[in-house]
Amino acid sequence: MDLCQRPDQQILREKPPRCVLHYRENAAGSACEMQAHQHAAHYENLLCRQTSPLLNPRRHNHRRSHSMIVSIQYLRGIAALMVVLTHIRIKGQQYQTGSAEGFTIGGDGVDLFFIISGFIMCFTTHSQRLSPARFMINRAVRILPLYWVLTLVALLVFLIAPDKVNASGGTTGIAESFLLLPTGARFLIHNGWTLSYEFYYYAIFALFLCLSARVWLRYTAVLLTLLLLSLCGVVIQPESAAGQFLFSELLMEFALGIVAWIIYCGYRPGNRLAGVLLLSGITFLLVKNICGVPEGVTSKVLTSGLPMFFIFLGLISLEEQIKRLRGPLSKALSLLGNSSYSLYLAHPFALSPLAMMLKHLQLLSAPLFTSVLLAGSLITGIATWYLLEKPLSRLTARLK
C-alpha cells in the first residue's frame, strides 16, 4: 500500500527512517526516487502536525511541561529581590537613612511576576485536560495556604499593635485580606494586592480551558479578553477601586506572558536576538532608574512591562546556556527562585523589627541599614520556604 494511503497513526508508529528508506531501497529510477521524496515529505508533514504544540495539543507531550525552566526560577528570585529592595528603600525613607535611595525600579519586579504568571499558566496546562474548576482549585491550593498562614500571623500583630501593620496609613480590611477582595482597603499583608490580580487572571484563563482541542483559539481568546478589559479601563477611566481593578492595564502584562509562551513554542529567538532583547530590556531599566520616567508617560505597561518582557523573553530563549551554569551564583539564584514566593510574602515581617532595632541601637548608616534588612529578609524568606511553604505544599498536594 502506498505510504500516503496508509493510516496516519500506522505511519507514525514506525521509526522515521524505516517508513522512508523502504522506498529508497526499492527505488529504481527517477520516478521512484521522486515518489520516495514525496513519501518522506508526507511523513515529515504528519510528524510536524502531531508534534506541534499549537496544531495538536492533545498528542503533544511537551518535554518542557514536565521539567522546570531554570531561567524562570532565576527570574522569580530576581523579581522577589527587586521588591525586597524597594521596601528597604521605603523603610530607609521612613527612618531617614537613605538606604537603596538610588534604586528606583524595584517595583518592576511585580511586573515581571505578572509576565511570568501569564507564561506559566500556558506552560503548565498546555498538554493537560483540566476543567475550569479543577484548574482554579489547583491554583488556590498552591497559592492560598501560605498566604493565609502569614495573614493569620499579621492579624495577631494587628490585634496586639494595630500601628505596626500598614503603618503608612489607610484602612485595613480583615475580611478583604483573607478573600483578596479589591475594595480599596489595605490588606494585612500589603503584597497580597498582587494575588488579587493573579486570581483574576486565573479566572479569565479558566473560562477558556474548554477550548483544549484548539489551544491556539484558547490563547487568542484570553489575549483578546485581557486586551479588551485593559482598553475599557483606558476609555472609561473608572474611579471606584473595583472598577480600577477590573479594568487595570496591568492585565496586559499577563497577556505579554502568553505572547512569550507562543514565541517560545514556535518562533524562539536565536542566541544573538535573545542577547539583544535581554540587553535592550536591561538598558531600558537602567536608563529609567537614572533618568526617571519621561513626563506625561503614565503607562506602567510601557515603562515597566515592556522592558521586563524583553528581559524575560531573552533569558528563557537562552535556557540551554543557562542550564549549563554552575557554581555559587547558580546555586544562589536557584535557592532564591525556589524561595521567591515565601520571600515575597514574608520579608515584611523582618523589615519593621530590624529597622526598629537598628534605630534603637543608633545604627542608621545607609550601608549597614540596607545590609541588615536585606540579610534579614533573605533569611526570613528562606526559612519560611523551608519550614512553612514546603510542608504546606506536601500536605495540600493530596487535594490536587
Protein backbone atom coordinates (compact mmCIF):
# COMPACT_ATOMS: atom_id res chain seq x y z
CA MET A 1 0.00 0.00 0.00
CA ASP A 2 1.26 3.48 -0.83
CA LEU A 3 2.55 5.37 2.18
CA CYS A 4 0.28 8.30 1.52
CA GLN A 5 -2.75 5.99 1.51
CA ARG A 6 -1.99 4.28 4.82
CA PRO A 7 -3.49 5.46 8.12
CA ASP A 8 -1.53 8.30 9.66
CA GLN A 9 -1.19 6.63 13.06
CA GLN A 10 0.25 3.45 11.47
CA ILE A 11 2.85 5.53 9.65
CA LEU A 12 3.86 7.44 12.76
CA ARG A 13 4.25 4.25 14.81
CA GLU A 14 7.12 3.25 12.55
CA LYS A 15 10.61 4.56 13.13
CA PRO A 16 11.25 7.60 10.92
CA PRO A 17 13.97 6.01 8.74
CA ARG A 18 12.04 2.81 8.11
CA CYS A 19 8.94 4.26 6.51
CA VAL A 20 11.01 6.45 4.20
CA LEU A 21 14.03 4.26 3.45
CA HIS A 22 11.78 1.34 2.47
CA TYR A 23 11.01 3.25 -0.71
CA ARG A 24 14.51 4.49 -1.29
CA GLU A 25 15.92 0.98 -1.04
CA ASN A 26 13.44 -0.25 -3.67
CA ALA A 27 13.60 2.81 -5.86
CA ALA A 28 14.70 2.10 -9.43
CA GLY A 29 14.79 5.23 -11.50
CA SER A 30 13.97 8.87 -11.15
CA ALA A 31 10.20 8.33 -10.94
CA CYS A 32 10.50 6.05 -7.92
CA GLU A 33 13.07 8.35 -6.36
CA MET A 34 10.66 11.25 -6.75
CA GLN A 35 7.96 9.12 -5.12
CA ALA A 36 10.32 8.35 -2.24
CA HIS A 37 10.87 12.05 -1.67
CA GLN A 38 7.11 12.61 -1.72
CA HIS A 39 6.68 9.91 0.93
CA ALA A 40 9.42 11.49 3.04
CA ALA A 41 7.70 14.87 2.78
CA HIS A 42 4.37 13.27 3.71
CA TYR A 43 5.93 11.70 6.79
CA GLU A 44 7.55 14.95 7.87
CA ASN A 45 4.24 16.77 7.45
CA LEU A 46 2.47 14.21 9.63
CA LEU A 47 5.21 14.38 12.23
CA CYS A 48 5.02 18.16 12.32
CA ARG A 49 1.25 18.09 12.76
CA GLN A 50 1.45 15.50 15.52
CA THR A 51 4.25 17.18 17.48
CA SER A 52 3.39 20.85 17.04
CA PRO A 53 2.33 22.35 20.39
CA LEU A 54 -0.15 24.65 18.67
CA LEU A 55 -1.60 22.38 15.97
CA ASN A 56 -2.10 19.25 18.04
CA PRO A 57 -2.07 19.92 21.81
CA ARG A 58 -3.70 16.59 22.72
CA ARG A 59 -0.95 14.37 21.33
CA HIS A 60 1.79 16.86 22.02
CA ASN A 61 3.79 15.74 25.02
CA HIS A 62 5.87 18.84 25.50
CA ARG A 63 9.06 17.99 27.38
CA ARG A 64 9.09 21.44 28.86
CA SER A 65 5.74 20.70 30.51
CA HIS A 66 7.39 18.08 32.69
CA SER A 67 10.60 19.88 33.60
CA MET A 68 11.49 23.14 35.22
CA ILE A 69 12.64 26.08 33.13
CA VAL A 70 15.71 27.15 35.07
CA SER A 71 15.75 30.70 33.70
CA ILE A 72 12.23 31.30 35.04
CA GLN A 73 13.29 30.15 38.50
CA TYR A 74 16.13 32.64 38.39
CA LEU A 75 13.79 35.39 37.21
CA ARG A 76 11.37 34.65 40.04
CA GLY A 77 14.16 35.09 42.53
CA ILE A 78 15.32 38.32 40.91
CA ALA A 79 11.76 39.70 40.86
CA ALA A 80 11.30 38.95 44.57
CA LEU A 81 14.68 40.50 45.39
CA MET A 82 13.73 43.67 43.48
CA VAL A 83 10.55 44.00 45.55
CA VAL A 84 12.50 43.49 48.77
CA LEU A 85 14.96 46.25 47.81
CA THR A 86 12.08 48.60 47.06
CA HIS A 87 10.62 48.02 50.52
CA ILE A 88 14.05 48.54 52.09
CA ARG A 89 14.21 51.83 50.22
CA ILE A 90 10.81 52.80 51.66
CA LYS A 91 11.99 51.88 55.16
CA GLY A 92 15.09 53.95 54.57
CA GLN A 93 12.90 56.94 53.78
CA GLN A 94 10.85 56.37 56.94
CA TYR A 95 13.98 56.20 59.10
CA GLN A 96 15.86 58.81 57.04
CA THR A 97 18.81 56.56 56.30
CA GLY A 98 18.89 56.98 52.52
CA SER A 99 19.07 53.21 52.06
CA ALA A 100 18.82 51.96 48.47
CA GLU A 101 17.93 55.51 47.50
CA GLY A 102 19.41 55.12 44.03
CA PHE A 103 17.36 52.00 43.27
CA THR A 104 14.01 53.18 41.95
CA ILE A 105 13.00 50.28 39.70
CA GLY A 106 12.42 47.60 42.32
CA GLY A 107 8.66 47.82 41.88
CA ASP A 108 9.12 46.49 38.36
CA GLY A 109 9.66 43.10 39.95
CA VAL A 110 5.87 42.88 40.27
CA ASP A 111 5.50 43.43 36.52
CA LEU A 112 7.96 40.60 35.95
CA PHE A 113 5.91 38.36 38.24
CA PHE A 114 2.78 39.05 36.18
CA ILE A 115 4.57 38.22 32.92
CA ILE A 116 5.89 35.00 34.45
CA SER A 117 2.36 34.05 35.55
CA GLY A 118 0.99 34.67 32.08
CA PHE A 119 3.62 32.33 30.67
CA ILE A 120 3.44 29.67 33.38
CA MET A 121 -0.32 29.13 33.10
CA CYS A 122 0.18 28.21 29.44
CA PHE A 123 3.24 26.13 30.27
CA THR A 124 1.54 24.04 32.98
CA THR A 125 -1.79 23.47 31.23
CA HIS A 126 -0.69 23.07 27.63
CA SER A 127 -0.65 19.28 27.46
CA GLN A 128 -3.24 18.71 30.18
CA ARG A 129 -7.02 18.49 30.06
CA LEU A 130 -8.28 20.39 33.09
CA SER A 131 -11.77 21.56 33.90
CA PRO A 132 -12.05 25.22 34.95
CA ALA A 133 -12.99 24.12 38.48
CA ARG A 134 -10.01 21.79 38.81
CA PHE A 135 -7.69 24.47 37.45
CA MET A 136 -8.91 27.04 40.00
CA ILE A 137 -8.66 24.51 42.84
CA ASN A 138 -5.08 23.71 41.84
CA ARG A 139 -4.15 27.39 41.83
CA ALA A 140 -5.87 28.05 45.16
CA VAL A 141 -4.15 25.06 46.76
CA ARG A 142 -0.80 26.33 45.51
CA ILE A 143 -1.20 30.00 46.43
CA LEU A 144 -3.53 30.40 49.40
CA PRO A 145 -2.26 28.15 52.25
CA LEU A 146 0.99 30.03 52.85
CA TYR A 147 -0.72 33.37 52.29
CA TRP A 148 -3.45 32.56 54.80
CA VAL A 149 -0.98 31.34 57.44
CA LEU A 150 1.07 34.52 57.15
CA THR A 151 -2.10 36.63 57.09
CA LEU A 152 -3.13 35.00 60.39
CA VAL A 153 0.24 35.99 61.85
CA ALA A 154 -0.26 39.53 60.57
CA LEU A 155 -3.76 39.55 62.09
CA LEU A 156 -2.35 38.65 65.51
CA VAL A 157 0.14 41.51 65.22
CA PHE A 158 -2.66 43.83 64.09
CA LEU A 159 -4.86 42.91 67.08
CA ILE A 160 -1.99 43.46 69.53
CA ALA A 161 -0.38 46.53 67.93
CA PRO A 162 -2.51 47.96 65.09
CA ASP A 163 0.02 50.69 64.35
CA LYS A 164 2.61 48.06 63.37
CA VAL A 165 0.56 46.88 60.37
CA ASN A 166 0.18 49.22 57.40
CA ALA A 167 1.96 51.96 59.32
CA SER A 168 1.86 54.22 56.27
CA GLY A 169 -1.89 54.71 56.76
CA GLY A 170 -5.18 53.64 55.26
CA THR A 171 -7.98 51.36 56.38
CA THR A 172 -7.00 47.74 56.93
CA GLY A 173 -9.61 45.21 55.80
CA ILE A 174 -9.52 41.87 57.61
CA ALA A 175 -12.11 40.00 55.53
CA GLU A 176 -10.72 41.59 52.37
CA SER A 177 -7.27 40.33 53.30
CA PHE A 178 -8.29 36.70 53.53
CA LEU A 179 -10.58 36.79 50.49
CA LEU A 180 -8.28 39.00 48.39
CA LEU A 181 -11.16 41.37 47.66
CA PRO A 182 -10.01 44.59 45.93
CA THR A 183 -12.25 47.06 47.77
CA GLY A 184 -9.61 49.71 48.30
CA ALA A 185 -8.87 48.65 51.89
CA ARG A 186 -5.29 47.72 52.74
CA PHE A 187 -4.52 44.04 53.20
CA LEU A 188 -2.90 42.74 56.38
CA ILE A 189 -0.06 41.64 54.11
CA HIS A 190 0.13 44.55 51.73
CA ASN A 191 1.77 42.49 48.99
CA GLY A 192 -1.46 40.49 48.77
CA TRP A 193 -2.86 43.01 46.30
CA THR A 194 -0.87 41.30 43.56
CA LEU A 195 -2.51 37.96 44.39
CA SER A 196 -5.89 39.56 43.67
CA TYR A 197 -4.67 40.19 40.12
CA GLU A 198 -3.25 36.69 39.91
CA PHE A 199 -6.60 35.10 40.71
CA TYR A 200 -8.39 37.49 38.37
CA TYR A 201 -6.13 36.29 35.58
CA TYR A 202 -6.64 32.67 36.63
CA ALA A 203 -10.41 33.14 36.40
CA ILE A 204 -10.16 34.59 32.88
CA PHE A 205 -7.81 31.79 31.83
CA ALA A 206 -10.13 29.15 33.32
CA LEU A 207 -13.08 30.42 31.28
CA PHE A 208 -11.41 29.26 28.08
CA LEU A 209 -9.96 25.94 29.24
CA CYS A 210 -12.86 24.22 27.49
CA LEU A 211 -11.05 25.04 24.23
CA SER A 212 -8.46 22.34 24.94
CA ALA A 213 -8.76 20.86 21.43
CA ARG A 214 -7.93 24.24 19.86
CA VAL A 215 -5.23 25.60 22.08
CA TRP A 216 -4.41 28.49 19.72
CA LEU A 217 -8.04 29.59 20.00
CA ARG A 218 -7.81 29.47 23.78
CA TYR A 219 -4.74 31.70 23.82
CA THR A 220 -6.33 34.10 21.34
CA ALA A 221 -9.50 34.31 23.44
CA VAL A 222 -7.58 35.00 26.64
CA LEU A 223 -5.38 37.59 24.92
CA LEU A 224 -8.36 39.42 23.44
CA THR A 225 -10.19 39.38 26.76
CA LEU A 226 -7.22 40.86 28.60
CA LEU A 227 -6.74 43.45 25.86
CA LEU A 228 -10.41 44.49 25.82
CA LEU A 229 -10.58 44.81 29.61
CA SER A 230 -7.45 46.98 29.63
CA LEU A 231 -8.73 49.17 26.80
CA CYS A 232 -12.04 49.60 28.61
CA GLY A 233 -10.09 50.98 31.54
CA VAL A 234 -8.33 53.49 29.29
CA VAL A 235 -11.63 54.63 27.79
CA ILE A 236 -13.92 54.81 30.82
CA GLN A 237 -11.28 55.78 33.44
CA PRO A 238 -13.12 54.15 36.39
CA GLU A 239 -12.91 55.91 39.75
CA SER A 240 -14.03 53.11 42.07
CA ALA A 241 -11.50 50.65 43.46
CA ALA A 242 -13.41 47.74 41.93
CA GLY A 243 -13.54 49.40 38.51
CA GLN A 244 -9.84 50.25 38.55
CA PHE A 245 -9.08 46.64 39.43
CA LEU A 246 -11.36 45.04 36.84
CA PHE A 247 -10.13 47.24 34.00
CA SER A 248 -6.50 47.67 35.03
CA GLU A 249 -3.82 47.98 32.38
CA LEU A 250 -1.75 45.52 34.43
CA LEU A 251 -3.80 42.76 32.80
CA MET A 252 -1.75 43.42 29.68
CA GLU A 253 1.32 42.09 31.46
CA PHE A 254 -0.30 38.67 31.79
CA ALA A 255 -1.02 38.94 28.07
CA LEU A 256 2.67 39.60 27.45
CA GLY A 257 3.42 36.35 29.24
CA ILE A 258 1.08 34.48 26.89
CA VAL A 259 2.75 36.10 23.89
CA ALA A 260 6.11 34.98 25.28
CA TRP A 261 4.81 31.40 25.52
CA ILE A 262 3.63 31.40 21.91
CA ILE A 263 7.01 32.70 20.78
CA TYR A 264 8.82 30.19 22.99
CA CYS A 265 6.89 27.31 21.43
CA GLY A 266 7.20 28.14 17.78
CA TYR A 267 9.45 31.07 16.95
CA ARG A 268 12.01 31.18 19.72
CA PRO A 269 14.72 33.80 19.09
CA GLY A 270 18.24 32.61 18.39
CA ASN A 271 21.07 33.36 20.78
CA ARG A 272 22.01 36.62 19.10
CA LEU A 273 18.48 38.03 19.07
CA ALA A 274 17.91 36.76 22.61
CA GLY A 275 21.01 38.65 23.72
CA VAL A 276 19.76 41.82 22.02
CA LEU A 277 16.37 41.50 23.75
CA LEU A 278 17.98 40.92 27.13
CA LEU A 279 20.42 43.81 26.74
CA SER A 280 17.67 46.13 25.48
CA GLY A 281 15.44 45.41 28.47
CA ILE A 282 18.25 45.86 30.98
CA THR A 283 19.41 49.09 29.30
CA PHE A 284 15.86 50.49 29.35
CA LEU A 285 15.55 49.80 33.08
CA LEU A 286 18.96 51.30 33.86
CA VAL A 287 18.12 54.47 31.94
CA LYS A 288 14.77 54.67 33.72
CA ASN A 289 16.49 54.17 37.08
CA ILE A 290 18.88 57.05 36.37
CA CYS A 291 16.67 59.47 34.44
CA GLY A 292 13.21 58.51 35.63
CA VAL A 293 10.06 58.18 33.54
CA PRO A 294 9.52 60.94 30.95
CA GLU A 295 6.91 63.49 31.96
CA GLY A 296 3.47 62.66 30.63
CA VAL A 297 4.16 58.93 30.23
CA THR A 298 1.85 57.16 32.67
CA SER A 299 1.54 53.67 31.21
CA LYS A 300 3.20 51.13 33.51
CA VAL A 301 2.96 48.52 30.78
CA LEU A 302 5.18 50.64 28.53
CA THR A 303 7.67 51.76 31.17
CA SER A 304 7.89 48.53 33.18
CA GLY A 305 6.05 45.70 31.45
CA LEU A 306 7.70 46.05 28.05
CA PRO A 307 11.34 46.07 29.23
CA MET A 308 10.57 43.18 31.57
CA PHE A 309 9.03 41.33 28.63
CA PHE A 310 12.25 41.77 26.65
CA ILE A 311 14.32 40.54 29.60
CA PHE A 312 12.01 37.58 30.17
CA LEU A 313 11.87 36.51 26.53
CA GLY A 314 15.61 37.00 26.07
CA LEU A 315 16.52 34.96 29.13
CA ILE A 316 14.19 32.00 28.51
CA SER A 317 15.46 31.86 24.93
CA LEU A 318 18.94 31.30 26.39
CA GLU A 319 17.69 28.42 28.54
CA GLU A 320 20.17 25.87 27.21
CA GLN A 321 23.11 28.13 28.05
CA ILE A 322 21.68 28.97 31.47
CA LYS A 323 21.24 25.30 32.33
CA ARG A 324 24.98 24.84 31.92
CA LEU A 325 25.78 27.43 34.58
CA ARG A 326 27.49 26.00 37.65
CA GLY A 327 28.99 27.44 40.78
CA PRO A 328 27.91 29.60 43.73
CA LEU A 329 25.95 32.12 41.64
CA SER A 330 23.85 29.39 40.05
CA LYS A 331 23.13 27.80 43.43
CA ALA A 332 22.26 31.16 44.98
CA LEU A 333 19.87 32.04 42.15
CA SER A 334 18.28 28.61 42.36
CA LEU A 335 17.71 28.96 46.11
CA LEU A 336 16.38 32.47 45.60
CA GLY A 337 13.99 31.23 42.92
CA ASN A 338 12.75 28.29 44.97
CA SER A 339 12.03 30.51 47.96
CA SER A 340 10.77 33.51 45.95
CA TYR A 341 7.10 33.21 46.94
CA SER A 342 7.95 32.90 50.63
CA LEU A 343 10.44 35.75 50.34
CA TYR A 344 7.85 37.92 48.62
CA LEU A 345 5.21 37.37 51.30
CA ALA A 346 7.33 37.03 54.45
CA HIS A 347 10.00 39.71 54.14
CA PRO A 348 7.81 42.50 55.60
CA PHE A 349 7.81 40.57 58.90
CA ALA A 350 11.57 41.11 59.07
CA LEU A 351 11.84 44.70 57.88
CA SER A 352 9.99 46.56 60.63
CA PRO A 353 11.53 44.75 63.65
CA LEU A 354 15.03 45.05 62.22
CA ALA A 355 14.56 48.72 61.37
CA MET A 356 13.31 49.46 64.90
CA MET A 357 16.23 47.53 66.40
CA LEU A 358 18.78 49.48 64.36
CA LYS A 359 17.13 52.75 65.33
CA HIS A 360 17.26 51.77 69.00
CA LEU A 361 20.96 50.93 68.62
CA GLN A 362 21.52 54.16 66.67
CA LEU A 363 22.96 52.24 63.74
CA LEU A 364 21.27 54.04 60.89
CA SER A 365 24.04 54.37 58.32
CA ALA A 366 22.72 53.53 54.86
CA PRO A 367 25.10 50.63 54.07
CA LEU A 368 24.54 48.91 57.42
CA PHE A 369 20.79 49.52 57.39
CA THR A 370 20.48 48.11 53.87
CA SER A 371 22.71 45.11 54.57
CA VAL A 372 20.96 44.10 57.80
CA LEU A 373 17.46 44.46 56.36
CA LEU A 374 18.40 42.61 53.19
CA ALA A 375 20.07 39.76 55.06
CA GLY A 376 17.16 39.54 57.50
CA SER A 377 14.66 39.46 54.64
CA LEU A 378 16.53 36.70 52.82
CA ILE A 379 16.88 34.60 55.97
CA THR A 380 13.19 35.06 56.78
CA GLY A 381 12.15 34.18 53.24
CA ILE A 382 14.31 31.06 53.01
CA ALA A 383 13.29 29.90 56.49
CA THR A 384 9.61 30.42 55.64
CA TRP A 385 10.05 28.42 52.45
CA TYR A 386 11.78 25.56 54.22
CA LEU A 387 9.69 25.46 57.41
CA LEU A 388 6.26 26.50 56.09
CA GLU A 389 5.86 26.52 52.33
CA LYS A 390 7.42 23.13 51.63
CA PRO A 391 5.48 21.26 54.35
CA LEU A 392 2.26 23.00 53.31
CA SER A 393 2.89 22.04 49.69
CA ARG A 394 3.34 18.40 50.65
CA LEU A 395 0.18 18.50 52.75
CA THR A 396 -2.00 20.20 50.17
CA ALA A 397 -0.67 18.09 47.28
CA ARG A 398 -3.18 15.46 48.34
CA LEU A 399 -6.02 17.85 47.47
CA LYS A 400 -4.94 18.20 43.85
